[in-house]
Amino acid sequence: MPSLLAEAGTVRFTRAPSTATDDPALVGLDVTDAVSQFAVLYFSRNTGLPVRLVETYEVTLLWREIVTRAIRYEDFRNIEGLMPPFRFATEGGLRTIQVDRYILNARIPDEIFDRPSSADALERLMSFTPRG
């Protein structure tokens, strides 16, 4: 996916300066659009796996505010040669998402992407279970 974005000219990836982190075990990758840097993705020097994402974006409600959010990727496990994280946690402990399982190449019916036309349809969508 990153290579597709870069090829399309949507974003640019460059190595973050060494001052981007005080942890020598991490290396950062700046993700930049045409306007400015909006994320730094940190990788473990030992494993090469992504371990932290720091996003910066602008929010305007009553006033303009720059928001920074950091997400940690944890508990990597081997699934058919891939190493996905099984836990995503916001720094500060506000949210943690624990993944029970990944299903690779699951068959998903086209209608799952249709816009629900009623609350009943939305309920069916939310109860969808992919088949491996």
C-alpha atoms as a PDB file:
ATOM      1  CA  MET A   1       0.000   0.000   0.000  1.00  0.00           C
ATOM      2  CA  PRO A   2       2.698   2.602   0.810  1.00  0.00           C
ATOM      3  CA  SER A   3       4.354   1.966  -2.551  1.00  0.00           C
ATOM      4  CA  LEU A   4       1.023   2.470  -4.350  1.00  0.00           C
ATOM      5  CA  LEU A   5       0.494   5.789  -2.568  1.00  0.00           C
ATOM      6  CA  ALA A   6       4.016   6.897  -3.397  1.00  0.00           C
ATOM      7  CA  GLU A   7       3.659   5.870  -7.057  1.00  0.00           C
ATOM      8  CA  ALA A   8       0.395   7.773  -7.319  1.00  0.00           C
ATOM      9  CA  GLY A   9       2.154  10.884  -6.022  1.00  0.00           C
ATOM     10  CA  THR A  10      -0.220  11.048  -3.058  1.00  0.00           C
ATOM     11  CA  VAL A  11       2.448  10.884  -0.385  1.00  0.00           C
ATOM     12  CA  ARG A  12       6.213  10.759  -0.060  1.00  0.00           C
ATOM     13  CA  PHE A  13       8.223   8.588   2.332  1.00  0.00           C
ATOM     14  CA  THR A  14      11.611   9.706   3.682  1.00  0.00           C
ATOM     15  CA  ARG A  15      13.736   8.590   6.598  1.00  0.00           C
ATOM     16  CA  ALA A  16      12.962  10.657   9.680  1.00  0.00           C
ATOM     17  CA  PRO A  17      15.869  12.514  11.274  1.00  0.00           C
ATOM     18  CA  SER A  18      17.528  10.636  14.128  1.00  0.00           C
ATOM     19  CA  THR A  19      16.180  13.304  16.488  1.00  0.00           C
ATOM     20  CA  ALA A  20      12.625  12.096  15.775  1.00  0.00           C
ATOM     21  CA  THR A  21      12.971   9.502  18.544  1.00  0.00           C
ATOM     22  CA  ASP A  22      15.125   9.179  21.621  1.00  0.00           C
ATOM     23  CA  ASP A  23      14.987   5.374  21.357  1.00  0.00           C
ATOM     24  CA  PRO A  24      18.048   4.057  19.445  1.00  0.00           C
ATOM     25  CA  ALA A  25      16.220   0.760  18.778  1.00  0.00           C
ATOM     26  CA  LEU A  26      13.763   2.575  16.471  1.00  0.00           C
ATOM     27  CA  VAL A  27      14.079   4.145  13.054  1.00  0.00           C
ATOM     28  CA  GLY A  28      11.443   6.579  11.787  1.00  0.00           C
ATOM     29  CA  LEU A  29       9.861   7.031   8.376  1.00  0.00           C
ATOM     30  CA  ASP A  30       8.291  10.429   7.608  1.00  0.00           C
ATOM     31  CA  VAL A  31       5.029  10.239   5.660  1.00  0.00           C
ATOM     32  CA  THR A  32       4.451  13.536   3.866  1.00  0.00           C
ATOM     33  CA  ASP A  33       1.751  14.845   1.549  1.00  0.00           C
ATOM     34  CA  ALA A  34       2.063  17.825  -0.784  1.00  0.00           C
ATOM     35  CA  VAL A  35       1.520  20.249   2.106  1.00  0.00           C
ATOM     36  CA  SER A  36       3.356  18.929   5.161  1.00  0.00           C
ATOM     37  CA  GLN A  37       4.464  15.991   7.297  1.00  0.00           C
ATOM     38  CA  PHE A  38       1.466  14.261   8.796  1.00  0.00           C
ATOM     39  CA  ALA A  39       2.854  11.045  10.282  1.00  0.00           C
ATOM     40  CA  VAL A  40       5.991   9.303  11.423  1.00  0.00           C
ATOM     41  CA  LEU A  41       5.993   5.502  11.343  1.00  0.00           C
ATOM     42  CA  TYR A  42       8.611   3.923  13.607  1.00  0.00           C
ATOM     43  CA  PHE A  43      10.158   0.529  12.931  1.00  0.00           C
ATOM     44  CA  SER A  44      12.152  -1.740  15.232  1.00  0.00           C
ATOM     45  CA  ARG A  45      15.775  -1.934  14.098  1.00  0.00           C
ATOM     46  CA  ASN A  46      15.883  -5.530  15.389  1.00  0.00           C
ATOM     47  CA  THR A  47      12.757  -6.966  13.736  1.00  0.00           C
ATOM     48  CA  GLY A  48      11.936  -4.463  10.974  1.00  0.00           C
ATOM     49  CA  LEU A  49       8.314  -4.458  12.191  1.00  0.00           C
ATOM     50  CA  PRO A  50       6.308  -1.231  12.627  1.00  0.00           C
ATOM     51  CA  VAL A  51       5.936  -0.521  16.343  1.00  0.00           C
ATOM     52  CA  ARG A  52       4.582   3.039  16.597  1.00  0.00           C
ATOM     53  CA  LEU A  53       2.708   5.559  14.470  1.00  0.00           C
ATOM     54  CA  VAL A  54       2.561   9.246  15.380  1.00  0.00           C
ATOM     55  CA  GLU A  55      -0.033  11.211  13.375  1.00  0.00           C
ATOM     56  CA  THR A  56      -0.435  14.965  13.327  1.00  0.00           C
ATOM     57  CA  TYR A  57      -3.491  16.575  11.811  1.00  0.00           C
ATOM     58  CA  GLU A  58      -5.552  19.740  11.948  1.00  0.00           C
ATOM     59  CA  VAL A  59      -9.006  19.869  13.516  1.00  0.00           C
ATOM     60  CA  THR A  60     -11.255  22.884  13.137  1.00  0.00           C
ATOM     61  CA  LEU A  61     -14.449  23.067  15.155  1.00  0.00           C
ATOM     62  CA  LEU A  62     -14.758  26.430  16.863  1.00  0.00           C
ATOM     63  CA  TRP A  63     -11.042  27.082  16.469  1.00  0.00           C
ATOM     64  CA  ARG A  64      -8.110  25.569  14.633  1.00  0.00           C
ATOM     65  CA  GLU A  65      -6.165  22.992  16.621  1.00  0.00           C
ATOM     66  CA  ILE A  66      -3.247  20.731  15.752  1.00  0.00           C
ATOM     67  CA  VAL A  67      -3.769  17.241  17.211  1.00  0.00           C
ATOM     68  CA  THR A  68      -1.107  14.573  17.654  1.00  0.00           C
ATOM     69  CA  ARG A  69      -2.048  10.944  18.239  1.00  0.00           C
ATOM     70  CA  ALA A  70       0.331   8.052  18.835  1.00  0.00           C
ATOM     71  CA  ILE A  71      -0.546   4.376  18.347  1.00  0.00           C
ATOM     72  CA  ARG A  72       1.608   1.431  19.408  1.00  0.00           C
ATOM     73  CA  TYR A  73       1.576  -1.876  17.509  1.00  0.00           C
ATOM     74  CA  GLU A  74       2.217  -4.860  19.796  1.00  0.00           C
ATOM     75  CA  ASP A  75       1.986  -8.644  20.125  1.00  0.00           C
ATOM     76  CA  PHE A  76       3.143  -9.636  16.630  1.00  0.00           C
ATOM     77  CA  ARG A  77       2.442 -13.246  15.617  1.00  0.00           C
ATOM     78  CA  ASN A  78       3.276 -15.281  12.534  1.00  0.00           C
ATOM     79  CA  ILE A  79       0.208 -15.878  10.348  1.00  0.00           C
ATOM     80  CA  GLU A  80       1.124 -17.763   7.173  1.00  0.00           C
ATOM     81  CA  GLY A  81       4.458 -15.935   6.921  1.00  0.00           C
ATOM     82  CA  LEU A  82       3.055 -12.483   7.764  1.00  0.00           C
ATOM     83  CA  MET A  83       3.656 -10.764  11.115  1.00  0.00           C
ATOM     84  CA  PRO A  84       0.559  -8.683  11.920  1.00  0.00           C
ATOM     85  CA  PRO A  85       0.105  -6.974  15.290  1.00  0.00           C
ATOM     86  CA  PHE A  86      -2.581  -8.436  17.529  1.00  0.00           C
ATOM     87  CA  ARG A  87      -2.801  -5.364  19.763  1.00  0.00           C
ATOM     88  CA  PHE A  88      -3.135  -1.670  18.902  1.00  0.00           C
ATOM     89  CA  ALA A  89      -2.881   0.776  21.792  1.00  0.00           C
ATOM     90  CA  THR A  90      -3.040   4.542  21.948  1.00  0.00           C
ATOM     91  CA  GLU A  91      -0.293   6.079  24.012  1.00  0.00           C
ATOM     92  CA  GLY A  92      -1.721   7.323  27.253  1.00  0.00           C
ATOM     93  CA  GLY A  93      -3.851   4.197  27.548  1.00  0.00           C
ATOM     94  CA  LEU A  94      -7.110   5.684  26.249  1.00  0.00           C
ATOM     95  CA  ARG A  95      -7.875   2.812  23.856  1.00  0.00           C
ATOM     96  CA  THR A  96      -6.597  -0.679  23.231  1.00  0.00           C
ATOM     97  CA  ILE A  97      -7.809  -2.969  20.476  1.00  0.00           C
ATOM     98  CA  GLN A  98      -7.021  -6.666  20.868  1.00  0.00           C
ATOM     99  CA  VAL A  99      -7.332  -8.795  17.725  1.00  0.00           C
ATOM    100  CA  ASP A 100      -8.408 -12.396  18.347  1.00  0.00           C
ATOM    101  CA  ARG A 101      -7.615 -13.703  14.894  1.00  0.00           C
ATOM    102  CA  TYR A 102      -6.849 -12.718  11.334  1.00  0.00           C
ATOM    103  CA  ILE A 103      -8.477 -14.448   8.376  1.00  0.00           C
ATOM    104  CA  LEU A 104      -6.363 -14.113   5.266  1.00  0.00           C
ATOM    105  CA  ASN A 105      -8.000 -14.068   1.839  1.00  0.00           C
ATOM    106  CA  ALA A 106     -11.484 -14.417   3.328  1.00  0.00           C
ATOM    107  CA  ARG A 107     -14.343 -14.506   0.854  1.00  0.00           C
ATOM    108  CA  ILE A 108     -16.430 -11.380   1.385  1.00  0.00           C
ATOM    109  CA  PRO A 109     -19.694 -11.007  -0.541  1.00  0.00           C
ATOM    110  CA  ASP A 110     -19.981  -7.858  -2.663  1.00  0.00           C
ATOM    111  CA  GLU A 111     -23.156  -6.760  -0.852  1.00  0.00           C
ATOM    112  CA  ILE A 112     -21.202  -6.241   2.366  1.00  0.00           C
ATOM    113  CA  PHE A 113     -19.973  -3.012   0.744  1.00  0.00           C
ATOM    114  CA  ASP A 114     -23.488  -1.791  -0.149  1.00  0.00           C
ATOM    115  CA  ARG A 115     -24.764   1.164   1.852  1.00  0.00           C
ATOM    116  CA  PRO A 116     -27.339  -0.025   4.404  1.00  0.00           C
ATOM    117  CA  SER A 117     -30.826   1.285   3.684  1.00  0.00           C
ATOM    118  CA  SER A 118     -32.249   0.653   7.151  1.00  0.00           C
ATOM    119  CA  ALA A 119     -31.349  -0.098  10.762  1.00  0.00           C
ATOM    120  CA  ASP A 120     -32.026  -3.787  10.068  1.00  0.00           C
ATOM    121  CA  ALA A 121     -29.535  -3.814   7.211  1.00  0.00           C
ATOM    122  CA  LEU A 122     -26.973  -2.096   9.414  1.00  0.00           C
ATOM    123  CA  GLU A 123     -27.482  -4.739  12.098  1.00  0.00           C
ATOM    124  CA  ARG A 124     -26.923  -7.519   9.525  1.00  0.00           C
ATOM    125  CA  LEU A 125     -23.772  -5.772   8.368  1.00  0.00           C
ATOM    126  CA  MET A 126     -22.437  -5.467  11.917  1.00  0.00           C
ATOM    127  CA  SER A 127     -23.073  -9.157  12.604  1.00  0.00           C
ATOM    128  CA  PHE A 128     -21.258 -10.349   9.456  1.00  0.00           C
ATOM    129  CA  THR A 129     -18.728 -13.121  10.114  1.00  0.00           C
ATOM    130  CA  PRO A 130     -16.184 -13.811   7.352  1.00  0.00           C
ATOM    131  CA  ARG A 131     -15.653 -17.418   6.293  1.00  0.00           C
ATOM    132  CA  GLY A 132     -12.075 -18.562   5.765  1.00  0.00           C
END
